[in-house]
Every structure is written in C-alpha cells, then in structure tokens.
Amino acid sequence: MAERRKFKKRYCKYCEQKVEFIDYKELNSLKFSLSERFKIMPRRLTGNCKRHQELVTVAIKRARQTALIPYVIDRKKVVENPFEIIR
C-alpha cells in the first residue's frame, strides 16, 4: 500500500497574533489571502480559522469597492508580478 503523506499542520496566523479586526486598508496583510489573479484563497490553503477567514473576506471585498484591489485580472492582460500593483 502507498504511504500517506504527512503534511504540516496549517495554523491561523491571525489567531497567533491575537488580531480582533482586519482593516481593509492594510494591503500587505491581505495580499497573502489573494491568488495571482486576485481571487480570495480558501481556508484550506491559507490555514485561517473560520472567524478570521470571514473577516479577511469582508476586508478584501471592501478594498475592492474602494478600488484598492482589482476585482479579477484577465488572462490576456498578463502581469509578471501582480502584487506590485498593490502598494
């Protein structure tokens, strides 16, 4: 039988830092929850707990409405490092 791979346990970095509120203007902390095409990454990839994932989602949606983060990048409009746009 094939051996099961042992993966490192993911943990919520916001719980570790005891963060109560995630501000939508702090783009450096939000960019770790976004993919290359600015889609929100799921909990199983980021390791966030349910409470903090909901706060991250709300913060990203607010940042999108205020035009701090683009909604989605087209396939045709390829950028080498899309996070240079966020500053």
PDB file of N, CA and C in Angstrom:
ATOM      1  N   MET A   1       0.833  -1.197   0.000  1.00  0.00           N
ATOM      2  CA  MET A   1       0.000   0.000   0.000  1.00  0.00           C
ATOM      3  C   MET A   1       0.869   1.248   0.000  1.00  0.00           C
ATOM      4  N   ALA A   2       0.340   2.275  -0.569  1.00  0.00           N
ATOM      5  CA  ALA A   2       1.077   3.543  -0.625  1.00  0.00           C
ATOM      6  C   ALA A   2       1.035   4.226   0.736  1.00  0.00           C
ATOM      7  N   GLU A   3       2.140   4.849   1.047  1.00  0.00           N
ATOM      8  CA  GLU A   3       2.199   5.565   2.321  1.00  0.00           C
ATOM      9  C   GLU A   3       1.475   6.890   2.215  1.00  0.00           C
ATOM     10  N   ARG A   4       0.827   7.273   3.284  1.00  0.00           N
ATOM     11  CA  ARG A   4       0.153   8.567   3.313  1.00  0.00           C
ATOM     12  C   ARG A   4       1.175   9.654   3.575  1.00  0.00           C
ATOM     13  N   ARG A   5       1.022  10.740   2.852  1.00  0.00           N
ATOM     14  CA  ARG A   5       1.934  11.863   3.074  1.00  0.00           C
ATOM     15  C   ARG A   5       1.542  12.595   4.335  1.00  0.00           C
ATOM     16  N   LYS A   6       2.527  13.012   5.072  1.00  0.00           N
ATOM     17  CA  LYS A   6       2.259  13.780   6.283  1.00  0.00           C
ATOM     18  C   LYS A   6       2.500  15.250   5.972  1.00  0.00           C
ATOM     19  N   PHE A   7       1.445  16.015   6.079  1.00  0.00           N
ATOM     20  CA  PHE A   7       1.537  17.431   5.796  1.00  0.00           C
ATOM     21  C   PHE A   7       1.694  18.213   7.088  1.00  0.00           C
ATOM     22  N   LYS A   8       2.334  19.348   6.973  1.00  0.00           N
ATOM     23  CA  LYS A   8       2.494  20.228   8.114  1.00  0.00           C
ATOM     24  C   LYS A   8       1.139  20.831   8.469  1.00  0.00           C
ATOM     25  N   LYS A   9       0.818  20.862   9.749  1.00  0.00           N
ATOM     26  CA  LYS A   9      -0.462  21.418  10.178  1.00  0.00           C
ATOM     27  C   LYS A   9      -0.466  22.915   9.935  1.00  0.00           C
ATOM     28  N   ARG A  10      -1.496  23.382   9.252  1.00  0.00           N
ATOM     29  CA  ARG A  10      -1.635  24.807   8.996  1.00  0.00           C
ATOM     30  C   ARG A  10      -2.279  25.455  10.211  1.00  0.00           C
ATOM     31  N   TYR A  11      -1.902  26.677  10.468  1.00  0.00           N
ATOM     32  CA  TYR A  11      -2.431  27.387  11.618  1.00  0.00           C
ATOM     33  C   TYR A  11      -2.862  28.778  11.187  1.00  0.00           C
ATOM     34  N   CYS A  12      -3.726  29.363  11.958  1.00  0.00           N
ATOM     35  CA  CYS A  12      -4.239  30.692  11.658  1.00  0.00           C
ATOM     36  C   CYS A  12      -3.242  31.726  12.187  1.00  0.00           C
ATOM     37  N   LYS A  13      -2.667  32.499  11.272  1.00  0.00           N
ATOM     38  CA  LYS A  13      -1.680  33.497  11.693  1.00  0.00           C
ATOM     39  C   LYS A  13      -2.338  34.657  12.434  1.00  0.00           C
ATOM     40  N   TYR A  14      -3.630  34.868  12.185  1.00  0.00           N
ATOM     41  CA  TYR A  14      -4.337  35.941  12.884  1.00  0.00           C
ATOM     42  C   TYR A  14      -4.641  35.553  14.329  1.00  0.00           C
ATOM     43  N   CYS A  15      -4.939  34.279  14.577  1.00  0.00           N
ATOM     44  CA  CYS A  15      -5.147  33.815  15.950  1.00  0.00           C
ATOM     45  C   CYS A  15      -3.838  33.877  16.735  1.00  0.00           C
ATOM     46  N   GLU A  16      -2.745  33.557  16.050  1.00  0.00           N
ATOM     47  CA  GLU A  16      -1.440  33.574  16.704  1.00  0.00           C
ATOM     48  C   GLU A  16      -1.061  34.991  17.139  1.00  0.00           C
ATOM     49  N   GLN A  17      -1.407  35.987  16.302  1.00  0.00           N
ATOM     50  CA  GLN A  17      -1.110  37.383  16.634  1.00  0.00           C
ATOM     51  C   GLN A  17      -2.213  38.040  17.459  1.00  0.00           C
ATOM     52  N   LYS A  18      -3.289  37.295  17.723  1.00  0.00           N
ATOM     53  CA  LYS A  18      -4.441  37.771  18.505  1.00  0.00           C
ATOM     54  C   LYS A  18      -5.062  39.019  17.878  1.00  0.00           C
ATOM     55  N   VAL A  19      -5.345  38.929  16.581  1.00  0.00           N
ATOM     56  CA  VAL A  19      -5.950  40.028  15.835  1.00  0.00           C
ATOM     57  C   VAL A  19      -7.459  39.960  16.022  1.00  0.00           C
ATOM     58  N   GLU A  20      -8.063  41.069  16.394  1.00  0.00           N
ATOM     59  CA  GLU A  20      -9.513  41.130  16.579  1.00  0.00           C
ATOM     60  C   GLU A  20     -10.220  41.678  15.349  1.00  0.00           C
ATOM     61  N   PHE A  21      -9.574  42.581  14.613  1.00  0.00           N
ATOM     62  CA  PHE A  21     -10.189  43.235  13.466  1.00  0.00           C
ATOM     63  C   PHE A  21      -9.168  43.333  12.339  1.00  0.00           C
ATOM     64  N   ILE A  22      -9.598  43.037  11.125  1.00  0.00           N
ATOM     65  CA  ILE A  22      -8.719  43.111   9.960  1.00  0.00           C
ATOM     66  C   ILE A  22      -9.149  44.314   9.144  1.00  0.00           C
ATOM     67  N   ASP A  23      -8.248  45.279   9.004  1.00  0.00           N
ATOM     68  CA  ASP A  23      -8.564  46.521   8.316  1.00  0.00           C
ATOM     69  C   ASP A  23      -8.382  46.348   6.815  1.00  0.00           C
ATOM     70  N   TYR A  24      -9.301  46.889   6.045  1.00  0.00           N
ATOM     71  CA  TYR A  24      -9.236  46.744   4.587  1.00  0.00           C
ATOM     72  C   TYR A  24      -8.141  47.606   3.971  1.00  0.00           C
ATOM     73  N   LYS A  25      -7.592  48.560   4.719  1.00  0.00           N
ATOM     74  CA  LYS A  25      -6.546  49.432   4.185  1.00  0.00           C
ATOM     75  C   LYS A  25      -5.150  48.846   4.342  1.00  0.00           C
ATOM     76  N   GLU A  26      -5.000  47.771   5.115  1.00  0.00           N
ATOM     77  CA  GLU A  26      -3.707  47.103   5.286  1.00  0.00           C
ATOM     78  C   GLU A  26      -3.536  46.060   4.175  1.00  0.00           C
ATOM     79  N   LEU A  27      -3.057  46.498   3.044  1.00  0.00           N
ATOM     80  CA  LEU A  27      -2.980  45.626   1.873  1.00  0.00           C
ATOM     81  C   LEU A  27      -1.878  44.585   1.986  1.00  0.00           C
ATOM     82  N   ASN A  28      -0.844  44.875   2.760  1.00  0.00           N
ATOM     83  CA  ASN A  28       0.246  43.899   2.896  1.00  0.00           C
ATOM     84  C   ASN A  28      -0.218  42.629   3.597  1.00  0.00           C
ATOM     85  N   SER A  29      -1.129  42.745   4.548  1.00  0.00           N
ATOM     86  CA  SER A  29      -1.632  41.550   5.219  1.00  0.00           C
ATOM     87  C   SER A  29      -2.696  40.841   4.387  1.00  0.00           C
ATOM     88  N   LEU A  30      -3.391  41.579   3.526  1.00  0.00           N
ATOM     89  CA  LEU A  30      -4.446  40.968   2.714  1.00  0.00           C
ATOM     90  C   LEU A  30      -3.899  40.223   1.498  1.00  0.00           C
ATOM     91  N   LYS A  31      -2.726  40.610   1.015  1.00  0.00           N
ATOM     92  CA  LYS A  31      -2.234  40.002  -0.217  1.00  0.00           C
ATOM     93  C   LYS A  31      -1.847  38.532  -0.036  1.00  0.00           C
ATOM     94  N   PHE A  32      -1.679  38.054   1.185  1.00  0.00           N
ATOM     95  CA  PHE A  32      -1.386  36.647   1.418  1.00  0.00           C
ATOM     96  C   PHE A  32      -2.634  35.785   1.274  1.00  0.00           C
ATOM     97  N   SER A  33      -3.809  36.409   1.263  1.00  0.00           N
ATOM     98  CA  SER A  33      -5.060  35.682   1.100  1.00  0.00           C
ATOM     99  C   SER A  33      -5.604  35.811  -0.316  1.00  0.00           C
ATOM    100  N   LEU A  34      -4.804  36.340  -1.235  1.00  0.00           N
ATOM    101  CA  LEU A  34      -5.227  36.513  -2.617  1.00  0.00           C
ATOM    102  C   LEU A  34      -4.345  35.669  -3.534  1.00  0.00           C
ATOM    103  N   SER A  35      -4.941  35.156  -4.609  1.00  0.00           N
ATOM    104  CA  SER A  35      -4.165  34.407  -5.590  1.00  0.00           C
ATOM    105  C   SER A  35      -3.516  35.383  -6.575  1.00  0.00           C
ATOM    106  N   GLU A  36      -2.851  34.839  -7.589  1.00  0.00           N
ATOM    107  CA  GLU A  36      -2.163  35.677  -8.577  1.00  0.00           C
ATOM    108  C   GLU A  36      -3.142  36.506  -9.387  1.00  0.00           C
ATOM    109  N   ARG A  37      -4.360  36.000  -9.528  1.00  0.00           N
ATOM    110  CA  ARG A  37      -5.381  36.721 -10.292  1.00  0.00           C
ATOM    111  C   ARG A  37      -6.352  37.448  -9.371  1.00  0.00           C
ATOM    112  N   PHE A  38      -5.951  37.685  -8.134  1.00  0.00           N
ATOM    113  CA  PHE A  38      -6.691  38.444  -7.131  1.00  0.00           C
ATOM    114  C   PHE A  38      -8.005  37.785  -6.738  1.00  0.00           C
ATOM    115  N   LYS A  39      -8.028  36.460  -6.724  1.00  0.00           N
ATOM    116  CA  LYS A  39      -9.177  35.740  -6.188  1.00  0.00           C
ATOM    117  C   LYS A  39      -8.898  35.424  -4.723  1.00  0.00           C
ATOM    118  N   ILE A  40      -9.945  35.347  -3.915  1.00  0.00           N
ATOM    119  CA  ILE A  40      -9.794  35.044  -2.497  1.00  0.00           C
ATOM    120  C   ILE A  40      -9.477  33.559  -2.351  1.00  0.00           C
ATOM    121  N   MET A  41      -8.391  33.252  -1.645  1.00  0.00           N
ATOM    122  CA  MET A  41      -7.979  31.869  -1.460  1.00  0.00           C
ATOM    123  C   MET A  41      -8.798  31.224  -0.345  1.00  0.00           C
ATOM    124  N   PRO A  42      -9.096  29.936  -0.457  1.00  0.00           N
ATOM    125  CA  PRO A  42      -9.909  29.258   0.554  1.00  0.00           C
ATOM    126  C   PRO A  42      -9.138  28.978   1.839  1.00  0.00           C
ATOM    127  N   ARG A  43      -9.886  28.620   2.867  1.00  0.00           N
ATOM    128  CA  ARG A  43      -9.306  28.356   4.188  1.00  0.00           C
ATOM    129  C   ARG A  43      -8.318  27.202   4.162  1.00  0.00           C
ATOM    130  N   ARG A  44      -8.599  26.192   3.371  1.00  0.00           N
ATOM    131  CA  ARG A  44      -7.729  25.013   3.365  1.00  0.00           C
ATOM    132  C   ARG A  44      -6.344  25.323   2.822  1.00  0.00           C
ATOM    133  N   LEU A  45      -6.209  26.402   2.042  1.00  0.00           N
ATOM    134  CA  LEU A  45      -4.897  26.795   1.521  1.00  0.00           C
ATOM    135  C   LEU A  45      -4.206  27.817   2.415  1.00  0.00           C
ATOM    136  N   THR A  46      -4.966  28.740   2.987  1.00  0.00           N
ATOM    137  CA  THR A  46      -4.348  29.777   3.806  1.00  0.00           C
ATOM    138  C   THR A  46      -4.142  29.329   5.245  1.00  0.00           C
ATOM    139  N   GLY A  47      -4.987  28.410   5.734  1.00  0.00           N
ATOM    140  CA  GLY A  47      -4.864  27.952   7.110  1.00  0.00           C
ATOM    141  C   GLY A  47      -5.598  28.823   8.098  1.00  0.00           C
ATOM    142  N   ASN A  48      -6.386  29.763   7.627  1.00  0.00           N
ATOM    143  CA  ASN A  48      -7.128  30.635   8.539  1.00  0.00           C
ATOM    144  C   ASN A  48      -8.266  29.879   9.208  1.00  0.00           C
ATOM    145  N   CYS A  49      -8.625  30.324  10.409  1.00  0.00           N
ATOM    146  CA  CYS A  49      -9.801  29.759  11.054  1.00  0.00           C
ATOM    147  C   CYS A  49     -11.041  30.385  10.417  1.00  0.00           C
ATOM    148  N   LYS A  50     -12.214  29.858  10.751  1.00  0.00           N
ATOM    149  CA  LYS A  50     -13.448  30.312  10.112  1.00  0.00           C
ATOM    150  C   LYS A  50     -13.722  31.783  10.397  1.00  0.00           C
ATOM    151  N   ARG A  51     -13.523  32.185  11.622  1.00  0.00           N
ATOM    152  CA  ARG A  51     -13.810  33.569  12.025  1.00  0.00           C
ATOM    153  C   ARG A  51     -12.918  34.562  11.281  1.00  0.00           C
ATOM    154  N   HIS A  52     -11.627  34.275  11.235  1.00  0.00           N
ATOM    155  CA  HIS A  52     -10.712  35.194  10.574  1.00  0.00           C
ATOM    156  C   HIS A  52     -10.831  35.137   9.051  1.00  0.00           C
ATOM    157  N   GLN A  53     -11.208  33.983   8.500  1.00  0.00           N
ATOM    158  CA  GLN A  53     -11.423  33.921   7.059  1.00  0.00           C
ATOM    159  C   GLN A  53     -12.598  34.804   6.656  1.00  0.00           C
ATOM    160  N   GLU A  54     -13.645  34.833   7.480  1.00  0.00           N
ATOM    161  CA  GLU A  54     -14.782  35.714   7.198  1.00  0.00           C
ATOM    162  C   GLU A  54     -14.375  37.184   7.285  1.00  0.00           C
ATOM    163  N   LEU A  55     -13.531  37.534   8.256  1.00  0.00           N
ATOM    164  CA  LEU A  55     -13.058  38.910   8.379  1.00  0.00           C
ATOM    165  C   LEU A  55     -12.173  39.298   7.198  1.00  0.00           C
ATOM    166  N   VAL A  56     -11.336  38.372   6.740  1.00  0.00           N
ATOM    167  CA  VAL A  56     -10.477  38.630   5.577  1.00  0.00           C
ATOM    168  C   VAL A  56     -11.327  38.834   4.336  1.00  0.00           C
ATOM    169  N   THR A  57     -12.352  38.012   4.174  1.00  0.00           N
ATOM    170  CA  THR A  57     -13.236  38.121   3.010  1.00  0.00           C
ATOM    171  C   THR A  57     -13.936  39.467   2.975  1.00  0.00           C
ATOM    172  N   VAL A  58     -14.447  39.900   4.116  1.00  0.00           N
ATOM    173  CA  VAL A  58     -15.126  41.203   4.186  1.00  0.00           C
ATOM    174  C   VAL A  58     -14.145  42.327   3.898  1.00  0.00           C
ATOM    175  N   ALA A  59     -12.926  42.226   4.435  1.00  0.00           N
ATOM    176  CA  ALA A  59     -11.917  43.270   4.212  1.00  0.00           C
ATOM    177  C   ALA A  59     -11.513  43.348   2.743  1.00  0.00           C
ATOM    178  N   ILE A  60     -11.365  42.199   2.092  1.00  0.00           N
ATOM    179  CA  ILE A  60     -10.995  42.195   0.669  1.00  0.00           C
ATOM    180  C   ILE A  60     -12.117  42.783  -0.174  1.00  0.00           C
ATOM    181  N   LYS A  61     -13.347  42.444   0.152  1.00  0.00           N
ATOM    182  CA  LYS A  61     -14.482  42.989  -0.601  1.00  0.00           C
ATOM    183  C   LYS A  61     -14.592  44.498  -0.423  1.00  0.00           C
ATOM    184  N   ARG A  62     -14.312  44.990   0.771  1.00  0.00           N
ATOM    185  CA  ARG A  62     -14.323  46.443   0.995  1.00  0.00           C
ATOM    186  C   ARG A  62     -13.187  47.122   0.246  1.00  0.00           C
ATOM    187  N   ALA A  63     -12.029  46.486   0.219  1.00  0.00           N
ATOM    188  CA  ALA A  63     -10.893  47.059  -0.511  1.00  0.00           C
ATOM    189  C   ALA A  63     -11.161  47.082  -2.006  1.00  0.00           C
ATOM    190  N   ARG A  64     -11.893  46.108  -2.499  1.00  0.00           N
ATOM    191  CA  ARG A  64     -12.259  46.109  -3.910  1.00  0.00           C
ATOM    192  C   ARG A  64     -13.223  47.243  -4.233  1.00  0.00           C
ATOM    193  N   GLN A  65     -14.165  47.493  -3.335  1.00  0.00           N
ATOM    194  CA  GLN A  65     -15.131  48.562  -3.578  1.00  0.00           C
ATOM    195  C   GLN A  65     -14.483  49.933  -3.555  1.00  0.00           C
ATOM    196  N   THR A  66     -13.442  50.098  -2.771  1.00  0.00           N
ATOM    197  CA  THR A  66     -12.744  51.381  -2.725  1.00  0.00           C
ATOM    198  C   THR A  66     -11.607  51.454  -3.744  1.00  0.00           C
ATOM    199  N   ALA A  67     -11.518  50.466  -4.617  1.00  0.00           N
ATOM    200  CA  ALA A  67     -10.547  50.412  -5.714  1.00  0.00           C
ATOM    201  C   ALA A  67      -9.102  50.316  -5.227  1.00  0.00           C
ATOM    202  N   LEU A  68      -8.877  49.703  -4.079  1.00  0.00           N
ATOM    203  CA  LEU A  68      -7.514  49.451  -3.616  1.00  0.00           C
ATOM    204  C   LEU A  68      -6.976  48.144  -4.203  1.00  0.00           C
ATOM    205  N   ILE A  69      -7.883  47.206  -4.485  1.00  0.00           N
ATOM    206  CA  ILE A  69      -7.535  45.918  -5.073  1.00  0.00           C
ATOM    207  C   ILE A  69      -8.430  45.723  -6.294  1.00  0.00           C
ATOM    208  N   PRO A  70      -7.864  45.262  -7.418  1.00  0.00           N
ATOM    209  CA  PRO A  70      -8.729  44.993  -8.573  1.00  0.00           C
ATOM    210  C   PRO A  70      -9.587  43.750  -8.327  1.00  0.00           C
ATOM    211  N   TYR A  71     -10.697  43.654  -9.052  1.00  0.00           N
ATOM    212  CA  TYR A  71     -11.575  42.503  -8.882  1.00  0.00           C
ATOM    213  C   TYR A  71     -10.908  41.227  -9.393  1.00  0.00           C
ATOM    214  N   VAL A  72     -10.676  41.137 -10.700  1.00  0.00           N
ATOM    215  CA  VAL A  72     -10.011  39.975 -11.294  1.00  0.00           C
ATOM    216  C   VAL A  72      -9.202  40.465 -12.485  1.00  0.00           C
ATOM    217  N   ILE A  73      -8.046  39.842 -12.703  1.00  0.00           N
ATOM    218  CA  ILE A  73      -7.207  40.199 -13.838  1.00  0.00           C
ATOM    219  C   ILE A  73      -7.532  39.251 -14.993  1.00  0.00           C
ATOM    220  N   ASP A  74      -7.608  39.775 -16.207  1.00  0.00           N
ATOM    221  CA  ASP A  74      -7.884  38.961 -17.384  1.00  0.00           C
ATOM    222  C   ASP A  74      -6.707  38.055 -17.698  1.00  0.00           C
ATOM    223  N   ARG A  75      -6.988  37.013 -18.444  1.00  0.00           N
ATOM    224  CA  ARG A  75      -5.917  36.137 -18.909  1.00  0.00           C
ATOM    225  C   ARG A  75      -5.068  36.843 -19.955  1.00  0.00           C
ATOM    226  N   LYS A  76      -5.697  37.700 -20.731  1.00  0.00           N
ATOM    227  CA  LYS A  76      -4.988  38.389 -21.793  1.00  0.00           C
ATOM    228  C   LYS A  76      -4.074  39.484 -21.258  1.00  0.00           C
ATOM    229  N   LYS A  77      -4.457  40.062 -20.124  1.00  0.00           N
ATOM    230  CA  LYS A  77      -3.666  41.134 -19.519  1.00  0.00           C
ATOM    231  C   LYS A  77      -2.750  40.524 -18.456  1.00  0.00           C
ATOM    232  N   VAL A  78      -1.653  39.939 -18.923  1.00  0.00           N
ATOM    233  CA  VAL A  78      -0.754  39.210 -18.034  1.00  0.00           C
ATOM    234  C   VAL A  78       0.265  40.174 -17.443  1.00  0.00           C
ATOM    235  N   VAL A  79       0.428  40.107 -16.127  1.00  0.00           N
ATOM    236  CA  VAL A  79       1.405  40.910 -15.413  1.00  0.00           C
ATOM    237  C   VAL A  79       2.350  39.938 -14.720  1.00  0.00           C
ATOM    238  N   GLU A  80       3.654  40.217 -14.743  1.00  0.00           N
ATOM    239  CA  GLU A  80       4.609  39.299 -14.139  1.00  0.00           C
ATOM    240  C   GLU A  80       4.396  39.177 -12.632  1.00  0.00           C
ATOM    241  N   ASN A  81       4.323  40.274 -11.950  1.00  0.00           N
ATOM    242  CA  ASN A  81       4.088  40.247 -10.506  1.00  0.00           C
ATOM    243  C   ASN A  81       2.902  41.161 -10.210  1.00  0.00           C
ATOM    244  N   PRO A  82       1.699  40.594 -10.053  1.00  0.00           N
ATOM    245  CA  PRO A  82       0.518  41.438  -9.870  1.00  0.00           C
ATOM    246  C   PRO A  82       0.490  42.172  -8.537  1.00  0.00           C
ATOM    247  N   PHE A  83       1.283  41.720  -7.560  1.00  0.00           N
ATOM    248  CA  PHE A  83       1.258  42.353  -6.256  1.00  0.00           C
ATOM    249  C   PHE A  83       2.075  43.641  -6.218  1.00  0.00           C
ATOM    250  N   GLU A  84       2.782  43.944  -7.307  1.00  0.00           N
ATOM    251  CA  GLU A  84       3.445  45.248  -7.386  1.00  0.00           C
ATOM    252  C   GLU A  84       2.420  46.356  -7.604  1.00  0.00           C
ATOM    253  N   ILE A  85       1.273  45.988  -8.150  1.00  0.00           N
ATOM    254  CA  ILE A  85       0.192  46.960  -8.331  1.00  0.00           C
ATOM    255  C   ILE A  85      -0.298  47.435  -6.970  1.00  0.00           C
ATOM    256  N   ILE A  86      -0.372  46.505  -6.011  1.00  0.00           N
ATOM    257  CA  ILE A  86      -0.831  46.853  -4.649  1.00  0.00           C
ATOM    258  C   ILE A  86       0.313  47.479  -3.888  1.00  0.00           C
ATOM    259  N   ARG A  87       0.130  48.680  -3.452  1.00  0.00           N
ATOM    260  CA  ARG A  87       1.141  49.331  -2.619  1.00  0.00           C
ATOM    261  C   ARG A  87       0.477  50.218  -1.618  1.00  0.00           C
TER     262      ARG A  87
END
